């Protein structure tokens, strides 16, 4: 029972942290998201931000966390476990779409990169669905839906997420390395894309790796210790990256565009600049930089996010 108590406290802590983070970023949501017309990206934002909260809130009614006297049938617990698994997968896959678009913007809408990313994404999604099915077949629980028989096949769900996050981080790092060598790694857009990619990868990798170790290890009741933190970290990373990326394409009070700004060599002797204010970040014309078509595509993808 000691393990169950620790897991319950961990779940409540993860929920409290997510609720706190939503509260402190609510002004940004109103400013950036609420004023926009309804688009697929806006819907995706609300899924990432609030589905995790909903799943964790409803999970308080299991494992004796909120009301210890509640009991469930075996099939009722199966529904609960399936619901939690599907919820986690939806949050992870929704966040991955945001991270894909971030990498796609960094590569200026490169079609080859785009196709490869969606192929890997499809592989991740299929692996997760299969892993969840096998997990539900192996797992068992008691009358309050506490897991009594962990399922090692849950590692397929987490492993697929880790592999995909690693691919995204490698692609981001490669592009940032090219940017640094070209002399424009210091400009705001590139710096923010790399910064967000780095911290998101580190946070998600650590939580996912920790969850993987617990799922495949013989740790009994502690196997679900990081489930709440997995939902919280994926959700927070997803909506924070979305808010940061959206700011890059918003106009400043002076009328300039936050994010990508393109000037021809006839205007300033500059092929490509990225800025937050009226001051331009000048890059030497001797450096091989993106074409005007690539810059326009990158601006389009940044604005979509």
Protein backbone atom coordinates (compact mmCIF):
# COMPACT_ATOMS: atom_id res chain seq x y z
CA UNK A 1 0.00 0.00 0.00
CA UNK A 2 2.98 2.29 0.53
CA UNK A 3 3.71 2.18 -3.20
CA UNK A 4 0.11 3.07 -4.03
CA UNK A 5 0.24 6.07 -1.69
CA UNK A 6 3.42 7.33 -3.34
CA UNK A 7 1.93 6.94 -6.82
CA UNK A 8 -1.23 8.76 -5.74
CA UNK A 9 0.79 11.67 -4.33
CA UNK A 10 2.83 11.82 -7.52
CA UNK A 11 -0.34 11.94 -9.62
CA UNK A 12 -1.83 14.75 -7.54
CA UNK A 13 1.47 16.68 -7.68
CA UNK A 14 1.60 16.38 -11.48
CA UNK A 15 -1.99 17.58 -11.75
CA UNK A 16 -1.32 20.53 -9.41
CA UNK A 17 1.76 21.54 -11.42
CA UNK A 18 -0.14 21.41 -14.72
CA UNK A 19 -3.01 23.46 -13.28
CA UNK A 20 -0.52 26.03 -11.96
CA UNK A 21 1.24 26.26 -15.33
CA UNK A 22 -2.08 26.71 -17.13
CA UNK A 23 -2.99 29.53 -14.75
CA UNK A 24 0.29 31.43 -15.19
CA UNK A 25 0.11 31.14 -19.00
CA UNK A 26 -3.61 31.89 -19.26
CA UNK A 27 -2.95 35.55 -20.19
CA UNK A 28 -0.82 34.35 -23.10
CA UNK A 29 -3.59 32.02 -24.20
CA UNK A 30 -6.14 34.85 -24.21
CA UNK A 31 -3.75 37.17 -26.06
CA UNK A 32 -2.48 34.69 -28.63
CA UNK A 33 -5.13 32.01 -29.08
CA UNK A 34 -8.55 33.42 -28.23
CA UNK A 35 -8.35 36.23 -30.78
CA UNK A 36 -7.58 33.86 -33.63
CA UNK A 37 -10.25 32.33 -35.84
CA UNK A 38 -10.88 28.61 -35.45
CA UNK A 39 -8.29 26.58 -37.34
CA UNK A 40 -6.93 23.03 -36.98
CA UNK A 41 -3.96 24.43 -35.04
CA UNK A 42 -6.24 26.21 -32.59
CA UNK A 43 -8.18 22.99 -32.00
CA UNK A 44 -4.88 21.16 -31.56
CA UNK A 45 -3.79 23.71 -28.98
CA UNK A 46 -6.87 23.13 -26.83
CA UNK A 47 -6.47 19.35 -27.10
CA UNK A 48 -2.86 19.55 -25.94
CA UNK A 49 -3.59 21.99 -23.16
CA UNK A 50 -6.82 20.66 -21.67
CA UNK A 51 -7.15 16.97 -22.57
CA UNK A 52 -4.27 16.14 -20.23
CA UNK A 53 -5.95 18.14 -17.48
CA UNK A 54 -9.26 16.34 -18.07
CA UNK A 55 -7.66 12.88 -18.03
CA UNK A 56 -5.77 13.61 -14.81
CA UNK A 57 -8.80 15.11 -13.09
CA UNK A 58 -10.96 12.10 -13.94
CA UNK A 59 -8.20 9.76 -12.79
CA UNK A 60 -8.66 11.09 -9.26
CA UNK A 61 -11.74 8.86 -9.06
CA UNK A 62 -9.63 5.71 -9.46
CA UNK A 63 -7.06 3.98 -7.25
CA UNK A 64 -8.77 5.36 -4.16
CA UNK A 65 -7.25 8.79 -4.63
CA UNK A 66 -10.30 10.99 -4.13
CA UNK A 67 -13.02 8.65 -2.86
CA UNK A 68 -11.49 5.44 -1.42
CA UNK A 69 -14.88 3.76 -1.08
CA UNK A 70 -15.58 3.65 -4.85
CA UNK A 71 -15.32 0.16 -6.34
CA UNK A 72 -15.39 -0.90 -9.99
CA UNK A 73 -16.05 -4.07 -11.93
CA UNK A 74 -13.20 -5.63 -13.85
CA UNK A 75 -14.68 -4.38 -17.12
CA UNK A 76 -15.17 -0.92 -15.62
CA UNK A 77 -11.48 -0.76 -14.79
CA UNK A 78 -10.67 -1.95 -18.30
CA UNK A 79 -12.59 1.05 -19.66
CA UNK A 80 -10.73 3.37 -17.27
CA UNK A 81 -7.33 1.99 -18.30
CA UNK A 82 -8.21 2.23 -22.00
CA UNK A 83 -9.44 5.79 -21.50
CA UNK A 84 -6.22 6.81 -19.76
CA UNK A 85 -4.09 5.11 -22.42
CA UNK A 86 -5.95 6.68 -25.34
CA UNK A 87 -5.85 10.07 -23.62
CA UNK A 88 -2.08 9.86 -23.16
CA UNK A 89 -1.54 8.80 -26.77
CA UNK A 90 -3.72 11.63 -28.10
CA UNK A 91 -1.80 14.22 -26.05
CA UNK A 92 1.57 12.84 -27.20
CA UNK A 93 0.58 12.64 -30.88
CA UNK A 94 -0.99 16.11 -30.81
CA UNK A 95 2.16 17.58 -29.28
CA UNK A 96 4.28 15.79 -31.87
CA UNK A 97 2.33 17.53 -34.65
CA UNK A 98 3.36 20.88 -33.17
CA UNK A 99 6.99 19.76 -32.93
CA UNK A 100 6.86 18.50 -36.54
CA UNK A 101 5.65 21.89 -37.78
CA UNK A 102 8.38 23.61 -35.76
CA UNK A 103 11.06 21.49 -37.44
CA UNK A 104 9.36 21.98 -40.81
CA UNK A 105 9.50 25.75 -40.36
CA UNK A 106 13.18 25.48 -39.46
CA UNK A 107 13.83 23.61 -42.72
CA UNK A 108 11.87 26.23 -44.73
CA UNK A 109 9.15 23.83 -45.80
CA UNK A 110 11.53 21.24 -47.28
CA UNK A 111 9.29 18.63 -48.91
CA UNK A 112 11.66 15.72 -48.33
CA UNK A 113 11.94 16.48 -44.62
CA UNK A 114 8.18 16.94 -44.44
CA UNK A 115 7.47 13.52 -45.97
CA UNK A 116 10.06 11.76 -43.81
CA UNK A 117 8.66 13.31 -40.64
CA UNK A 118 5.11 12.25 -41.42
CA UNK A 119 6.27 8.72 -42.24
CA UNK A 120 8.05 8.51 -38.87
CA UNK A 121 5.00 10.04 -37.21
CA UNK A 122 2.73 7.41 -38.73
CA UNK A 123 5.12 4.71 -37.51
CA UNK A 124 5.00 6.20 -34.01
CA UNK A 125 1.19 6.29 -34.02
CA UNK A 126 0.85 2.69 -35.21
CA UNK A 127 3.39 1.48 -32.64
CA UNK A 128 1.51 3.26 -29.86
CA UNK A 129 -1.88 1.82 -30.82
CA UNK A 130 -0.45 -1.71 -31.04
CA UNK A 131 1.40 -1.23 -27.77
CA UNK A 132 -1.74 -0.06 -25.98
CA UNK A 133 -3.73 -3.04 -27.28
CA UNK A 134 -1.07 -5.52 -26.10
CA UNK A 135 -0.79 -3.69 -22.78
CA UNK A 136 -4.51 -3.93 -22.05
CA UNK A 137 -4.39 -7.66 -22.87
CA UNK A 138 -1.55 -8.24 -20.36
CA UNK A 139 -2.40 -5.80 -17.58
CA UNK A 140 -4.55 -6.60 -14.56
CA UNK A 141 -5.95 -4.46 -11.73
CA UNK A 142 -7.93 -4.62 -8.50
CA UNK A 143 -11.41 -3.31 -7.69
CA UNK A 144 -10.26 0.34 -7.43
CA UNK A 145 -8.36 0.06 -10.75
CA UNK A 146 -4.91 -0.06 -9.17
CA UNK A 147 -2.57 -1.91 -11.53
CA UNK A 148 -1.57 -5.24 -9.98
CA UNK A 149 0.04 -6.83 -13.02
CA UNK A 150 2.15 -4.35 -15.04
CA UNK A 151 2.46 -4.90 -18.77
CA UNK A 152 5.99 -4.70 -20.24
CA UNK A 153 4.45 -4.10 -23.70
CA UNK A 154 3.62 -0.59 -22.52
CA UNK A 155 7.28 0.05 -23.29
CA UNK A 156 6.33 -0.05 -26.98
CA UNK A 157 4.15 3.05 -26.51
CA UNK A 158 6.82 4.95 -24.58
CA UNK A 159 9.68 3.68 -26.73
CA UNK A 160 7.99 4.93 -29.91
CA UNK A 161 7.62 8.39 -28.37
CA UNK A 162 11.28 8.45 -27.29
CA UNK A 163 12.46 7.41 -30.76
CA UNK A 164 10.39 10.09 -32.48
CA UNK A 165 11.51 12.81 -30.07
CA UNK A 166 15.12 11.82 -30.75
CA UNK A 167 14.58 12.13 -34.52
CA UNK A 168 13.09 15.62 -34.11
CA UNK A 169 15.95 16.74 -31.87
CA UNK A 170 18.60 15.41 -34.26
CA UNK A 171 17.01 17.26 -37.19
CA UNK A 172 16.79 20.47 -35.13
CA UNK A 173 20.43 20.16 -34.03
CA UNK A 174 21.64 19.57 -37.58
CA UNK A 175 19.87 22.67 -38.86
CA UNK A 176 21.12 24.77 -35.95
CA UNK A 177 24.69 23.60 -36.61
CA UNK A 178 24.35 24.66 -40.25
CA UNK A 179 22.94 28.02 -39.14
CA UNK A 180 25.83 28.65 -36.73
CA UNK A 181 28.43 27.84 -39.38
CA UNK A 182 26.61 30.13 -41.84
CA UNK A 183 26.68 33.00 -39.38
CA UNK A 184 22.98 33.41 -38.64
CA UNK A 185 22.55 31.08 -35.67
CA UNK A 186 22.28 34.12 -33.37
CA UNK A 187 19.13 35.55 -34.96
CA UNK A 188 15.93 35.29 -32.85
CA UNK A 189 13.97 32.78 -34.93
CA UNK A 190 16.76 30.22 -35.15
CA UNK A 191 17.77 30.71 -31.51
CA UNK A 192 14.22 30.29 -30.24
CA UNK A 193 13.56 27.23 -32.41
CA UNK A 194 16.73 25.59 -31.09
CA UNK A 195 16.07 26.67 -27.50
CA UNK A 196 12.52 25.30 -27.52
CA UNK A 197 13.62 22.13 -29.27
CA UNK A 198 16.37 21.52 -26.72
CA UNK A 199 14.42 22.03 -23.51
CA UNK A 200 11.37 20.19 -24.86
CA UNK A 201 13.52 17.22 -25.85
CA UNK A 202 15.36 17.09 -22.51
CA UNK A 203 12.18 17.29 -20.44
CA UNK A 204 10.25 14.78 -22.55
CA UNK A 205 13.20 12.40 -22.87
CA UNK A 206 13.84 12.30 -19.12
CA UNK A 207 10.17 11.73 -18.23
CA UNK A 208 9.61 9.18 -21.00
CA UNK A 209 12.82 7.32 -20.17
CA UNK A 210 11.90 7.25 -16.49
CA UNK A 211 8.44 5.94 -17.30
CA UNK A 212 9.96 3.30 -19.59
CA UNK A 213 12.26 2.04 -16.82
CA UNK A 214 9.33 1.78 -14.40
CA UNK A 215 7.07 0.04 -16.92
CA UNK A 216 9.58 -2.68 -17.85
CA UNK A 217 11.08 -3.04 -14.36
CA UNK A 218 9.71 -5.24 -11.63
CA UNK A 219 8.69 -2.38 -9.35
CA UNK A 220 5.14 -3.42 -8.49
CA UNK A 221 2.83 -0.54 -7.57
CA UNK A 222 5.46 2.01 -8.55
CA UNK A 223 5.13 1.17 -12.27
CA UNK A 224 2.66 4.04 -12.80
CA UNK A 225 4.62 6.55 -10.73
CA UNK A 226 5.34 8.89 -13.65
CA UNK A 227 2.08 8.54 -15.58
CA UNK A 228 0.75 11.90 -14.35
CA UNK A 229 4.09 13.61 -14.95
CA UNK A 230 4.22 12.17 -18.46
CA UNK A 231 0.88 13.80 -19.28
CA UNK A 232 1.88 17.04 -17.60
CA UNK A 233 5.29 17.34 -19.30
CA UNK A 234 4.01 16.49 -22.78
CA UNK A 235 1.09 18.89 -22.44
CA UNK A 236 3.16 21.78 -21.04
CA UNK A 237 5.89 21.38 -23.65
CA UNK A 238 3.32 21.27 -26.45
CA UNK A 239 1.31 24.36 -25.59
CA UNK A 240 4.36 26.39 -24.52
CA UNK A 241 6.11 25.69 -27.83
CA UNK A 242 2.90 26.65 -29.64
CA UNK A 243 2.65 29.94 -27.75
CA UNK A 244 6.32 30.75 -28.38
CA UNK A 245 6.09 29.91 -32.08
CA UNK A 246 2.90 31.90 -32.50
CA UNK A 247 4.58 34.98 -31.03
CA UNK A 248 7.20 34.81 -33.78
CA UNK A 249 4.62 35.54 -36.47
CA UNK A 250 2.74 38.30 -34.64
CA UNK A 251 3.11 41.99 -35.54
CA UNK A 252 4.89 44.23 -33.07
CA UNK A 253 3.36 47.55 -31.92
CA UNK A 254 5.46 49.31 -34.56
CA UNK A 255 3.97 47.20 -37.30
CA UNK A 256 6.93 44.94 -38.03
CA UNK A 257 6.56 41.18 -38.03
CA UNK A 258 7.83 39.16 -35.12
CA UNK A 259 9.66 36.21 -36.59
CA UNK A 260 10.74 36.09 -40.21
CA UNK A 261 11.51 39.26 -42.07
CA UNK A 262 12.90 39.19 -45.60
CA UNK A 263 14.75 41.97 -47.39
CA UNK A 264 16.26 41.79 -50.87
CA UNK A 265 19.88 42.67 -51.50
CA UNK A 266 18.73 45.77 -53.42
CA UNK A 267 17.18 47.18 -50.23
CA UNK A 268 19.81 46.54 -47.58
CA UNK A 269 22.46 44.36 -49.14
CA UNK A 270 21.01 41.53 -47.04
CA UNK A 271 19.48 38.27 -48.26
CA UNK A 272 17.83 37.16 -45.06
CA UNK A 273 17.13 38.70 -41.66
CA UNK A 274 15.18 37.65 -38.62
CA UNK A 275 14.06 40.23 -36.08
CA UNK A 276 11.73 41.19 -33.27
CA UNK A 277 12.02 44.97 -33.71
CA UNK A 278 12.71 47.45 -36.45
CA UNK A 279 16.47 46.84 -36.08
CA UNK A 280 17.65 44.30 -38.63
CA UNK A 281 20.07 41.48 -38.00
CA UNK A 282 22.39 41.73 -41.00
CA UNK A 283 23.93 38.63 -42.51
CA UNK A 284 26.72 38.77 -45.06
CA UNK A 285 25.61 38.18 -48.65
CA UNK A 286 28.61 35.87 -49.10
CA UNK A 287 26.97 33.30 -46.84
CA UNK A 288 24.70 30.73 -48.57
CA UNK A 289 21.25 31.53 -47.20
CA UNK A 290 17.67 30.42 -47.93
CA UNK A 291 16.07 31.57 -51.14
CA UNK A 292 13.13 33.97 -51.16
CA UNK A 293 10.78 31.06 -51.87
CA UNK A 294 12.15 29.15 -48.85
CA UNK A 295 11.80 32.18 -46.61
CA UNK A 296 8.20 32.70 -47.74
CA UNK A 297 7.44 29.04 -46.99
CA UNK A 298 9.05 29.31 -43.55
CA UNK A 299 7.03 32.44 -42.80
CA UNK A 300 3.87 30.60 -43.85
CA UNK A 301 4.59 27.62 -41.60
CA UNK A 302 5.48 29.85 -38.65
CA UNK A 303 2.22 31.76 -39.01
CA UNK A 304 0.26 28.50 -39.08
CA UNK A 305 1.73 27.57 -35.73
